[in-house]
Structures are given as structure tokens and as C-alpha cells.
């Protein structure tokens, strides 16, 4: 059932029982659009284990892990340089 209100509300009824299954409004449709973008499932927004999400998660995880590795290398190098400069100062 579609209503002629400001939000263009729609009620979806079960054909078997006549009860309200769900309702949608203009604001809810905007939410649905962004939810489908978020879960990368443009058909119905129900499948949050979509292959695109799995691939994106794997790529993101690899970037984060490589970032931590680079941070570890950088901190180790800076710590080594700081210790070397402290030793040089003590010798003088």
C-alpha cells in the first residue's frame, strides 16, 4: 500500500495473511541505498559475505599488516640511530 504523505510511505503486506511485512519511507530508502553501498550488495542488501567485501577485507588487511611491518622497521632503525648518537655523545 502506498500513501500520499510527505515521506511517500509504503507498507508491504503479506499476500497470505494480510499482515504488514515491512514499511518503507523516503528516508528509509536513502538508508537502504547507503547500506547496499556499505555491504557492497546492490541487489537486495542481505548478503554481507559478498565476494567484493571478502576481497576488499583481504586487501585492507594486507595493507594494515604491511604498514605495521614498515612501522616496526622504521622504529627499530630510529632507535638504533638514537642509541648510536647517545654513544657518540658519551665518548666526547
Foldseek 3Di string as FASTA:
>chain_A
DWDPDPFRKDFDADPVPRDTPDMDTNVRVVVQVVLCVVLVNPPRSPDSVDPVNVVVVVVVVVVVVVVVVVVVVVVVVVVVVVVVVVVVVVVD
